[in-house]
Amino acid sequence: MSPVREMGQAANTFMGSLKEQPLSLALVVMNFALIGFVWMQGTAFNTQRQENVKLFLDVQKEVQKLLSQCIVPPPQQFQQRGDLRSDDEPPLPRPRPRIE
């Protein structure tokens, strides 16, 4: 027998069993519908995810551009203004008392 004839017989047998048991046909249809629904949801999720990633990257570029325009004075200017106090270190916290 040729492979085409065997496949035709297998398909004919399968369709005959589905005609005899309509519940199994309904289950097959529902499985295909579920697969289609899951594929559709996955596609929609991936599209939304790509848009979110693009927006996030655009915001990151804007922030990077703004930060690159900031001027940070050299450390000597900090010390002249009194912002950095290298001599006046804050005191360390006291050690916790031991509880016995």
PDB file of N, CA and C in Angstrom:
ATOM      1  N   MET A   1       0.841  -1.191   0.000  1.00  0.00           N
ATOM      2  CA  MET A   1       0.000   0.000   0.000  1.00  0.00           C
ATOM      3  C   MET A   1       0.879   1.245   0.000  1.00  0.00           C
ATOM      4  N   SER A   2       0.363   2.257  -0.644  1.00  0.00           N
ATOM      5  CA  SER A   2       1.125   3.502  -0.712  1.00  0.00           C
ATOM      6  C   SER A   2       0.874   4.331   0.556  1.00  0.00           C
ATOM      7  N   PRO A   3       1.819   5.194   0.889  1.00  0.00           N
ATOM      8  CA  PRO A   3       1.651   6.015   2.085  1.00  0.00           C
ATOM      9  C   PRO A   3       0.439   6.936   1.997  1.00  0.00           C
ATOM     10  N   VAL A   4       0.121   7.415   0.806  1.00  0.00           N
ATOM     11  CA  VAL A   4      -1.032   8.307   0.652  1.00  0.00           C
ATOM     12  C   VAL A   4      -2.313   7.549   0.968  1.00  0.00           C
ATOM     13  N   ARG A   5      -2.410   6.306   0.500  1.00  0.00           N
ATOM     14  CA  ARG A   5      -3.608   5.496   0.748  1.00  0.00           C
ATOM     15  C   ARG A   5      -3.746   5.173   2.249  1.00  0.00           C
ATOM     16  N   GLU A   6      -2.621   4.874   2.886  1.00  0.00           N
ATOM     17  CA  GLU A   6      -2.658   4.577   4.322  1.00  0.00           C
ATOM     18  C   GLU A   6      -3.089   5.807   5.118  1.00  0.00           C
ATOM     19  N   MET A   7      -2.566   6.964   4.740  1.00  0.00           N
ATOM     20  CA  MET A   7      -2.973   8.196   5.436  1.00  0.00           C
ATOM     21  C   MET A   7      -4.455   8.475   5.216  1.00  0.00           C
ATOM     22  N   GLY A   8      -4.941   8.219   4.006  1.00  0.00           N
ATOM     23  CA  GLY A   8      -6.361   8.414   3.727  1.00  0.00           C
ATOM     24  C   GLY A   8      -7.227   7.493   4.561  1.00  0.00           C
ATOM     25  N   GLN A   9      -6.801   6.235   4.729  1.00  0.00           N
ATOM     26  CA  GLN A   9      -7.559   5.305   5.562  1.00  0.00           C
ATOM     27  C   GLN A   9      -7.528   5.735   7.025  1.00  0.00           C
ATOM     28  N   ALA A  10      -6.369   6.181   7.482  1.00  0.00           N
ATOM     29  CA  ALA A  10      -6.275   6.626   8.878  1.00  0.00           C
ATOM     30  C   ALA A  10      -7.178   7.841   9.113  1.00  0.00           C
ATOM     31  N   ALA A  11      -7.183   8.780   8.170  1.00  0.00           N
ATOM     32  CA  ALA A  11      -8.045   9.954   8.311  1.00  0.00           C
ATOM     33  C   ALA A  11      -9.513   9.551   8.254  1.00  0.00           C
ATOM     34  N   ASN A  12      -9.852   8.594   7.381  1.00  0.00           N
ATOM     35  CA  ASN A  12     -11.233   8.120   7.271  1.00  0.00           C
ATOM     36  C   ASN A  12     -11.667   7.435   8.571  1.00  0.00           C
ATOM     37  N   THR A  13     -10.793   6.645   9.150  1.00  0.00           N
ATOM     38  CA  THR A  13     -11.105   5.988  10.426  1.00  0.00           C
ATOM     39  C   THR A  13     -11.298   7.019  11.536  1.00  0.00           C
ATOM     40  N   PHE A  14     -10.417   8.020  11.559  1.00  0.00           N
ATOM     41  CA  PHE A  14     -10.515   9.066  12.566  1.00  0.00           C
ATOM     42  C   PHE A  14     -11.827   9.841  12.430  1.00  0.00           C
ATOM     43  N   MET A  15     -12.174  10.208  11.217  1.00  0.00           N
ATOM     44  CA  MET A  15     -13.417  10.946  11.001  1.00  0.00           C
ATOM     45  C   MET A  15     -14.633  10.076  11.331  1.00  0.00           C
ATOM     46  N   GLY A  16     -14.560   8.775  11.041  1.00  0.00           N
ATOM     47  CA  GLY A  16     -15.670   7.875  11.385  1.00  0.00           C
ATOM     48  C   GLY A  16     -15.871   7.797  12.886  1.00  0.00           C
ATOM     49  N   SER A  17     -14.770   7.737  13.631  1.00  0.00           N
ATOM     50  CA  SER A  17     -14.905   7.673  15.095  1.00  0.00           C
ATOM     51  C   SER A  17     -15.460   8.989  15.644  1.00  0.00           C
ATOM     52  N   LEU A  18     -15.099  10.099  15.017  1.00  0.00           N
ATOM     53  CA  LEU A  18     -15.645  11.381  15.470  1.00  0.00           C
ATOM     54  C   LEU A  18     -17.138  11.494  15.158  1.00  0.00           C
ATOM     55  N   LYS A  19     -17.577  10.889  14.049  1.00  0.00           N
ATOM     56  CA  LYS A  19     -19.011  10.909  13.728  1.00  0.00           C
ATOM     57  C   LYS A  19     -19.802  10.071  14.716  1.00  0.00           C
ATOM     58  N   GLU A  20     -19.194   8.981  15.161  1.00  0.00           N
ATOM     59  CA  GLU A  20     -19.897   8.104  16.105  1.00  0.00           C
ATOM     60  C   GLU A  20     -19.951   8.714  17.499  1.00  0.00           C
ATOM     61  N   GLN A  21     -18.952   9.495  17.859  1.00  0.00           N
ATOM     62  CA  GLN A  21     -18.914  10.085  19.200  1.00  0.00           C
ATOM     63  C   GLN A  21     -18.768  11.607  19.065  1.00  0.00           C
ATOM     64  N   PRO A  22     -19.868  12.321  19.039  1.00  0.00           N
ATOM     65  CA  PRO A  22     -19.786  13.773  18.845  1.00  0.00           C
ATOM     66  C   PRO A  22     -19.104  14.507  20.004  1.00  0.00           C
ATOM     67  N   LEU A  23     -19.098  13.898  21.193  1.00  0.00           N
ATOM     68  CA  LEU A  23     -18.434  14.547  22.321  1.00  0.00           C
ATOM     69  C   LEU A  23     -16.930  14.639  22.073  1.00  0.00           C
ATOM     70  N   SER A  24     -16.345  13.613  21.499  1.00  0.00           N
ATOM     71  CA  SER A  24     -14.911  13.672  21.204  1.00  0.00           C
ATOM     72  C   SER A  24     -14.633  14.723  20.133  1.00  0.00           C
ATOM     73  N   LEU A  25     -15.543  14.894  19.171  1.00  0.00           N
ATOM     74  CA  LEU A  25     -15.386  15.952  18.169  1.00  0.00           C
ATOM     75  C   LEU A  25     -15.426  17.321  18.840  1.00  0.00           C
ATOM     76  N   ALA A  26     -16.336  17.489  19.791  1.00  0.00           N
ATOM     77  CA  ALA A  26     -16.421  18.761  20.517  1.00  0.00           C
ATOM     78  C   ALA A  26     -15.137  19.018  21.303  1.00  0.00           C
ATOM     79  N   LEU A  27     -14.559  17.966  21.892  1.00  0.00           N
ATOM     80  CA  LEU A  27     -13.317  18.131  22.639  1.00  0.00           C
ATOM     81  C   LEU A  27     -12.164  18.540  21.712  1.00  0.00           C
ATOM     82  N   VAL A  28     -12.111  17.943  20.545  1.00  0.00           N
ATOM     83  CA  VAL A  28     -11.065  18.310  19.586  1.00  0.00           C
ATOM     84  C   VAL A  28     -11.230  19.771  19.167  1.00  0.00           C
ATOM     85  N   VAL A  29     -12.457  20.175  18.886  1.00  0.00           N
ATOM     86  CA  VAL A  29     -12.711  21.563  18.492  1.00  0.00           C
ATOM     87  C   VAL A  29     -12.338  22.515  19.625  1.00  0.00           C
ATOM     88  N   MET A  30     -12.689  22.162  20.844  1.00  0.00           N
ATOM     89  CA  MET A  30     -12.367  23.023  21.988  1.00  0.00           C
ATOM     90  C   MET A  30     -10.854  23.099  22.202  1.00  0.00           C
ATOM     91  N   ASN A  31     -10.141  22.003  21.979  1.00  0.00           N
ATOM     92  CA  ASN A  31      -8.678  22.038  22.115  1.00  0.00           C
ATOM     93  C   ASN A  31      -8.063  22.985  21.098  1.00  0.00           C
ATOM     94  N   PHE A  32      -8.537  22.929  19.862  1.00  0.00           N
ATOM     95  CA  PHE A  32      -8.022  23.852  18.849  1.00  0.00           C
ATOM     96  C   PHE A  32      -8.385  25.296  19.198  1.00  0.00           C
ATOM     97  N   ALA A  33      -9.583  25.500  19.721  1.00  0.00           N
ATOM     98  CA  ALA A  33      -9.981  26.854  20.120  1.00  0.00           C
ATOM     99  C   ALA A  33      -9.095  27.351  21.266  1.00  0.00           C
ATOM    100  N   LEU A  34      -8.785  26.478  22.214  1.00  0.00           N
ATOM    101  CA  LEU A  34      -7.923  26.857  23.331  1.00  0.00           C
ATOM    102  C   LEU A  34      -6.517  27.187  22.844  1.00  0.00           C
ATOM    103  N   ILE A  35      -6.002  26.389  21.931  1.00  0.00           N
ATOM    104  CA  ILE A  35      -4.672  26.658  21.381  1.00  0.00           C
ATOM    105  C   ILE A  35      -4.675  28.016  20.668  1.00  0.00           C
ATOM    106  N   GLY A  36      -5.731  28.285  19.895  1.00  0.00           N
ATOM    107  CA  GLY A  36      -5.828  29.574  19.208  1.00  0.00           C
ATOM    108  C   GLY A  36      -5.908  30.734  20.185  1.00  0.00           C
ATOM    109  N   PHE A  37      -6.670  30.558  21.259  1.00  0.00           N
ATOM    110  CA  PHE A  37      -6.808  31.620  22.259  1.00  0.00           C
ATOM    111  C   PHE A  37      -5.479  31.886  22.961  1.00  0.00           C
ATOM    112  N   VAL A  38      -4.774  30.831  23.333  1.00  0.00           N
ATOM    113  CA  VAL A  38      -3.482  30.994  24.006  1.00  0.00           C
ATOM    114  C   VAL A  38      -2.484  31.678  23.071  1.00  0.00           C
ATOM    115  N   TRP A  39      -2.489  31.307  21.799  1.00  0.00           N
ATOM    116  CA  TRP A  39      -1.596  31.944  20.833  1.00  0.00           C
ATOM    117  C   TRP A  39      -1.930  33.429  20.700  1.00  0.00           C
ATOM    118  N   MET A  40      -3.227  33.751  20.638  1.00  0.00           N
ATOM    119  CA  MET A  40      -3.642  35.140  20.505  1.00  0.00           C
ATOM    120  C   MET A  40      -3.221  35.954  21.730  1.00  0.00           C
ATOM    121  N   GLN A  41      -3.419  35.400  22.924  1.00  0.00           N
ATOM    122  CA  GLN A  41      -3.027  36.100  24.149  1.00  0.00           C
ATOM    123  C   GLN A  41      -1.517  36.293  24.209  1.00  0.00           C
ATOM    124  N   GLY A  42      -0.766  35.274  23.810  1.00  0.00           N
ATOM    125  CA  GLY A  42       0.688  35.384  23.806  1.00  0.00           C
ATOM    126  C   GLY A  42       1.169  36.446  22.844  1.00  0.00           C
ATOM    127  N   THR A  43       0.557  36.509  21.682  1.00  0.00           N
ATOM    128  CA  THR A  43       0.929  37.525  20.695  1.00  0.00           C
ATOM    129  C   THR A  43       0.617  38.923  21.227  1.00  0.00           C
ATOM    130  N   ALA A  44      -0.556  39.090  21.826  1.00  0.00           N
ATOM    131  CA  ALA A  44      -0.921  40.401  22.385  1.00  0.00           C
ATOM    132  C   ALA A  44       0.031  40.783  23.521  1.00  0.00           C
ATOM    133  N   PHE A  45       0.390  39.823  24.367  1.00  0.00           N
ATOM    134  CA  PHE A  45       1.305  40.097  25.475  1.00  0.00           C
ATOM    135  C   PHE A  45       2.674  40.508  24.950  1.00  0.00           C
ATOM    136  N   ASN A  46       3.167  39.789  23.956  1.00  0.00           N
ATOM    137  CA  ASN A  46       4.483  40.123  23.408  1.00  0.00           C
ATOM    138  C   ASN A  46       4.489  41.499  22.753  1.00  0.00           C
ATOM    139  N   THR A  47       3.417  41.861  22.076  1.00  0.00           N
ATOM    140  CA  THR A  47       3.329  43.184  21.461  1.00  0.00           C
ATOM    141  C   THR A  47       3.341  44.273  22.531  1.00  0.00           C
ATOM    142  N   GLN A  48       2.554  44.065  23.582  1.00  0.00           N
ATOM    143  CA  GLN A  48       2.509  45.046  24.667  1.00  0.00           C
ATOM    144  C   GLN A  48       3.861  45.129  25.367  1.00  0.00           C
ATOM    145  N   ARG A  49       4.518  43.994  25.546  1.00  0.00           N
ATOM    146  CA  ARG A  49       5.826  43.968  26.197  1.00  0.00           C
ATOM    147  C   ARG A  49       6.857  44.732  25.359  1.00  0.00           C
ATOM    148  N   GLN A  50       6.825  44.556  24.044  1.00  0.00           N
ATOM    149  CA  GLN A  50       7.754  45.286  23.181  1.00  0.00           C
ATOM    150  C   GLN A  50       7.527  46.798  23.279  1.00  0.00           C
ATOM    151  N   GLU A  51       6.271  47.212  23.325  1.00  0.00           N
ATOM    152  CA  GLU A  51       5.969  48.643  23.459  1.00  0.00           C
ATOM    153  C   GLU A  51       6.477  49.182  24.792  1.00  0.00           C
ATOM    154  N   ASN A  52       6.280  48.410  25.870  1.00  0.00           N
ATOM    155  CA  ASN A  52       6.748  48.852  27.185  1.00  0.00           C
ATOM    156  C   ASN A  52       8.263  48.958  27.225  1.00  0.00           C
ATOM    157  N   VAL A  53       8.951  47.997  26.635  1.00  0.00           N
ATOM    158  CA  VAL A  53      10.406  48.045  26.617  1.00  0.00           C
ATOM    159  C   VAL A  53      10.883  49.251  25.820  1.00  0.00           C
ATOM    160  N   LYS A  54      10.225  49.540  24.701  1.00  0.00           N
ATOM    161  CA  LYS A  54      10.603  50.707  23.897  1.00  0.00           C
ATOM    162  C   LYS A  54      10.397  51.996  24.688  1.00  0.00           C
ATOM    163  N   LEU A  55       9.265  52.116  25.381  1.00  0.00           N
ATOM    164  CA  LEU A  55       9.022  53.310  26.198  1.00  0.00           C
ATOM    165  C   LEU A  55      10.051  53.426  27.315  1.00  0.00           C
ATOM    166  N   PHE A  56      10.377  52.312  27.943  1.00  0.00           N
ATOM    167  CA  PHE A  56      11.359  52.322  29.031  1.00  0.00           C
ATOM    168  C   PHE A  56      12.718  52.770  28.515  1.00  0.00           C
ATOM    169  N   LEU A  57      13.118  52.271  27.363  1.00  0.00           N
ATOM    170  CA  LEU A  57      14.406  52.666  26.803  1.00  0.00           C
ATOM    171  C   LEU A  57      14.409  54.140  26.406  1.00  0.00           C
ATOM    172  N   ASP A  58      13.290  54.640  25.901  1.00  0.00           N
ATOM    173  CA  ASP A  58      13.205  56.062  25.562  1.00  0.00           C
ATOM    174  C   ASP A  58      13.362  56.926  26.809  1.00  0.00           C
ATOM    175  N   VAL A  59      12.724  56.527  27.897  1.00  0.00           N
ATOM    176  CA  VAL A  59      12.843  57.285  29.146  1.00  0.00           C
ATOM    177  C   VAL A  59      14.278  57.226  29.656  1.00  0.00           C
ATOM    178  N   GLN A  60      14.903  56.047  29.553  1.00  0.00           N
ATOM    179  CA  GLN A  60      16.296  55.925  29.988  1.00  0.00           C
ATOM    180  C   GLN A  60      17.208  56.843  29.183  1.00  0.00           C
ATOM    181  N   LYS A  61      16.958  56.946  27.876  1.00  0.00           N
ATOM    182  CA  LYS A  61      17.776  57.831  27.038  1.00  0.00           C
ATOM    183  C   LYS A  61      17.582  59.281  27.440  1.00  0.00           C
ATOM    184  N   GLU A  62      16.335  59.663  27.740  1.00  0.00           N
ATOM    185  CA  GLU A  62      16.075  61.047  28.178  1.00  0.00           C
ATOM    186  C   GLU A  62      16.789  61.354  29.479  1.00  0.00           C
ATOM    187  N   VAL A  63      16.711  60.428  30.426  1.00  0.00           N
ATOM    188  CA  VAL A  63      17.372  60.637  31.723  1.00  0.00           C
ATOM    189  C   VAL A  63      18.878  60.718  31.527  1.00  0.00           C
ATOM    190  N   GLN A  64      19.409  59.851  30.689  1.00  0.00           N
ATOM    191  CA  GLN A  64      20.848  59.874  30.437  1.00  0.00           C
ATOM    192  C   GLN A  64      21.268  61.198  29.791  1.00  0.00           C
ATOM    193  N   LYS A  65      20.446  61.695  28.879  1.00  0.00           N
ATOM    194  CA  LYS A  65      20.748  62.968  28.222  1.00  0.00           C
ATOM    195  C   LYS A  65      20.730  64.118  29.236  1.00  0.00           C
ATOM    196  N   LEU A  66      19.714  64.119  30.121  1.00  0.00           N
ATOM    197  CA  LEU A  66      19.629  65.170  31.139  1.00  0.00           C
ATOM    198  C   LEU A  66      20.800  65.097  32.110  1.00  0.00           C
ATOM    199  N   LEU A  67      21.154  63.885  32.507  1.00  0.00           N
ATOM    200  CA  LEU A  67      22.267  63.745  33.451  1.00  0.00           C
ATOM    201  C   LEU A  67      23.599  64.112  32.815  1.00  0.00           C
ATOM    202  N   SER A  68      23.719  63.902  31.514  1.00  0.00           N
ATOM    203  CA  SER A  68      24.985  64.259  30.855  1.00  0.00           C
ATOM    204  C   SER A  68      25.161  65.770  30.777  1.00  0.00           C
ATOM    205  N   GLN A  69      24.086  66.528  30.898  1.00  0.00           N
ATOM    206  CA  GLN A  69      24.164  67.979  30.850  1.00  0.00           C
ATOM    207  C   GLN A  69      24.407  68.606  32.221  1.00  0.00           C
ATOM    208  N   CYS A  70      24.365  67.802  33.263  1.00  0.00           N
ATOM    209  CA  CYS A  70      24.615  68.325  34.610  1.00  0.00           C
ATOM    210  C   CYS A  70      26.095  68.652  34.756  1.00  0.00           C
ATOM    211  N   ILE A  71      26.364  69.729  35.470  1.00  0.00           N
ATOM    212  CA  ILE A  71      27.750  70.130  35.712  1.00  0.00           C
ATOM    213  C   ILE A  71      28.047  69.855  37.176  1.00  0.00           C
ATOM    214  N   VAL A  72      29.025  69.011  37.395  1.00  0.00           N
ATOM    215  CA  VAL A  72      29.426  68.684  38.762  1.00  0.00           C
ATOM    216  C   VAL A  72      30.735  69.406  39.031  1.00  0.00           C
ATOM    217  N   PRO A  73      30.764  70.277  40.059  1.00  0.00           N
ATOM    218  CA  PRO A  73      32.013  70.996  40.340  1.00  0.00           C
ATOM    219  C   PRO A  73      33.084  70.034  40.855  1.00  0.00           C
ATOM    220  N   PRO A  74      34.339  70.373  40.646  1.00  0.00           N
ATOM    221  CA  PRO A  74      35.416  69.511  41.156  1.00  0.00           C
ATOM    222  C   PRO A  74      35.393  69.454  42.676  1.00  0.00           C
ATOM    223  N   PRO A  75      36.040  68.469  43.260  1.00  0.00           N
ATOM    224  CA  PRO A  75      36.002  68.308  44.727  1.00  0.00           C
ATOM    225  C   PRO A  75      36.559  69.499  45.495  1.00  0.00           C
ATOM    226  N   GLN A  76      37.528  70.276  44.928  1.00  0.00           N
ATOM    227  CA  GLN A  76      38.065  71.423  45.662  1.00  0.00           C
ATOM    228  C   GLN A  76      36.977  72.464  45.903  1.00  0.00           C
ATOM    229  N   GLN A  77      36.082  72.655  44.956  1.00  0.00           N
ATOM    230  CA  GLN A  77      35.016  73.634  45.138  1.00  0.00           C
ATOM    231  C   GLN A  77      34.055  73.197  46.242  1.00  0.00           C
ATOM    232  N   PHE A  78      33.847  71.892  46.369  1.00  0.00           N
ATOM    233  CA  PHE A  78      32.997  71.407  47.454  1.00  0.00           C
ATOM    234  C   PHE A  78      33.600  71.786  48.802  1.00  0.00           C
ATOM    235  N   GLN A  79      34.890  71.556  48.938  1.00  0.00           N
ATOM    236  CA  GLN A  79      35.522  71.810  50.225  1.00  0.00           C
ATOM    237  C   GLN A  79      35.581  73.316  50.512  1.00  0.00           C
ATOM    238  N   GLN A  80      35.736  74.139  49.485  1.00  0.00           N
ATOM    239  CA  GLN A  80      35.774  75.590  49.704  1.00  0.00           C
ATOM    240  C   GLN A  80      34.421  76.101  50.182  1.00  0.00           C
ATOM    241  N   ARG A  81      33.347  75.511  49.664  1.00  0.00           N
ATOM    242  CA  ARG A  81      32.024  75.964  50.077  1.00  0.00           C
ATOM    243  C   ARG A  81      31.625  75.393  51.427  1.00  0.00           C
ATOM    244  N   GLY A  82      32.335  74.384  51.868  1.00  0.00           N
ATOM    245  CA  GLY A  82      32.001  73.789  53.150  1.00  0.00           C
ATOM    246  C   GLY A  82      30.991  72.659  53.050  1.00  0.00           C
ATOM    247  N   ASP A  83      30.743  72.145  51.827  1.00  0.00           N
ATOM    248  CA  ASP A  83      29.783  71.048  51.683  1.00  0.00           C
ATOM    249  C   ASP A  83      30.368  69.729  52.192  1.00  0.00           C
ATOM    250  N   LEU A  84      31.651  69.510  51.918  1.00  0.00           N
ATOM    251  CA  LEU A  84      32.300  68.286  52.387  1.00  0.00           C
ATOM    252  C   LEU A  84      33.166  68.620  53.585  1.00  0.00           C
ATOM    253  N   ARG A  85      32.950  67.941  54.642  1.00  0.00           N
ATOM    254  CA  ARG A  85      33.716  68.191  55.860  1.00  0.00           C
ATOM    255  C   ARG A  85      34.580  66.973  56.119  1.00  0.00           C
ATOM    256  N   SER A  86      35.788  67.008  55.649  1.00  0.00           N
ATOM    257  CA  SER A  86      36.677  65.869  55.858  1.00  0.00           C
ATOM    258  C   SER A  86      37.189  65.846  57.296  1.00  0.00           C
ATOM    259  N   ASP A  87      37.319  67.028  57.942  1.00  0.00           N
ATOM    260  CA  ASP A  87      37.834  67.076  59.305  1.00  0.00           C
ATOM    261  C   ASP A  87      36.761  66.707  60.327  1.00  0.00           C
ATOM    262  N   ASP A  88      35.531  67.136  60.076  1.00  0.00           N
ATOM    263  CA  ASP A  88      34.465  66.905  61.039  1.00  0.00           C
ATOM    264  C   ASP A  88      33.666  65.666  60.632  1.00  0.00           C
ATOM    265  N   GLU A  89      34.192  64.517  60.955  1.00  0.00           N
ATOM    266  CA  GLU A  89      33.487  63.272  60.656  1.00  0.00           C
ATOM    267  C   GLU A  89      32.350  63.110  61.671  1.00  0.00           C
ATOM    268  N   PRO A  90      31.225  62.598  61.256  1.00  0.00           N
ATOM    269  CA  PRO A  90      30.161  62.362  62.236  1.00  0.00           C
ATOM    270  C   PRO A  90      30.581  61.237  63.189  1.00  0.00           C
ATOM    271  N   PRO A  91      30.135  61.301  64.440  1.00  0.00           N
ATOM    272  CA  PRO A  91      30.540  60.267  65.395  1.00  0.00           C
ATOM    273  C   PRO A  91      29.908  58.920  65.035  1.00  0.00           C
ATOM    274  N   LEU A  92      30.613  57.880  65.381  1.00  0.00           N
ATOM    275  CA  LEU A  92      30.094  56.531  65.151  1.00  0.00           C
ATOM    276  C   LEU A  92      29.001  56.232  66.167  1.00  0.00           C
ATOM    277  N   PRO A  93      28.043  55.387  65.810  1.00  0.00           N
ATOM    278  CA  PRO A  93      27.001  55.056  66.782  1.00  0.00           C
ATOM    279  C   PRO A  93      27.582  54.231  67.924  1.00  0.00           C
ATOM    280  N   ARG A  94      26.943  54.342  69.091  1.00  0.00           N
ATOM    281  CA  ARG A  94      27.378  53.586  70.263  1.00  0.00           C
ATOM    282  C   ARG A  94      27.087  52.109  70.065  1.00  0.00           C
ATOM    283  N   PRO A  95      27.922  51.256  70.613  1.00  0.00           N
ATOM    284  CA  PRO A  95      27.612  49.819  70.497  1.00  0.00           C
ATOM    285  C   PRO A  95      26.393  49.466  71.325  1.00  0.00           C
ATOM    286  N   ARG A  96      25.696  48.477  70.873  1.00  0.00           N
ATOM    287  CA  ARG A  96      24.486  48.042  71.584  1.00  0.00           C
ATOM    288  C   ARG A  96      24.877  47.343  72.884  1.00  0.00           C
ATOM    289  N   PRO A  97      24.095  47.588  73.945  1.00  0.00           N
ATOM    290  CA  PRO A  97      24.411  46.884  75.198  1.00  0.00           C
ATOM    291  C   PRO A  97      24.064  45.403  75.075  1.00  0.00           C
ATOM    292  N   ARG A  98      24.861  44.606  75.735  1.00  0.00           N
ATOM    293  CA  ARG A  98      24.628  43.165  75.715  1.00  0.00           C
ATOM    294  C   ARG A  98      23.476  42.820  76.638  1.00  0.00           C
ATOM    295  N   ILE A  99      22.597  42.006  76.152  1.00  0.00           N
ATOM    296  CA  ILE A  99      21.463  41.554  76.964  1.00  0.00           C
ATOM    297  C   ILE A  99      21.759  40.130  77.390  1.00  0.00           C
ATOM    298  N   GLU A 100      21.787  39.957  78.704  1.00  0.00           N
ATOM    299  CA  GLU A 100      22.093  38.620  79.232  1.00  0.00           C
ATOM    300  C   GLU A 100      20.887  37.958  79.793  1.00  0.00           C
TER     301      GLU A 100
END
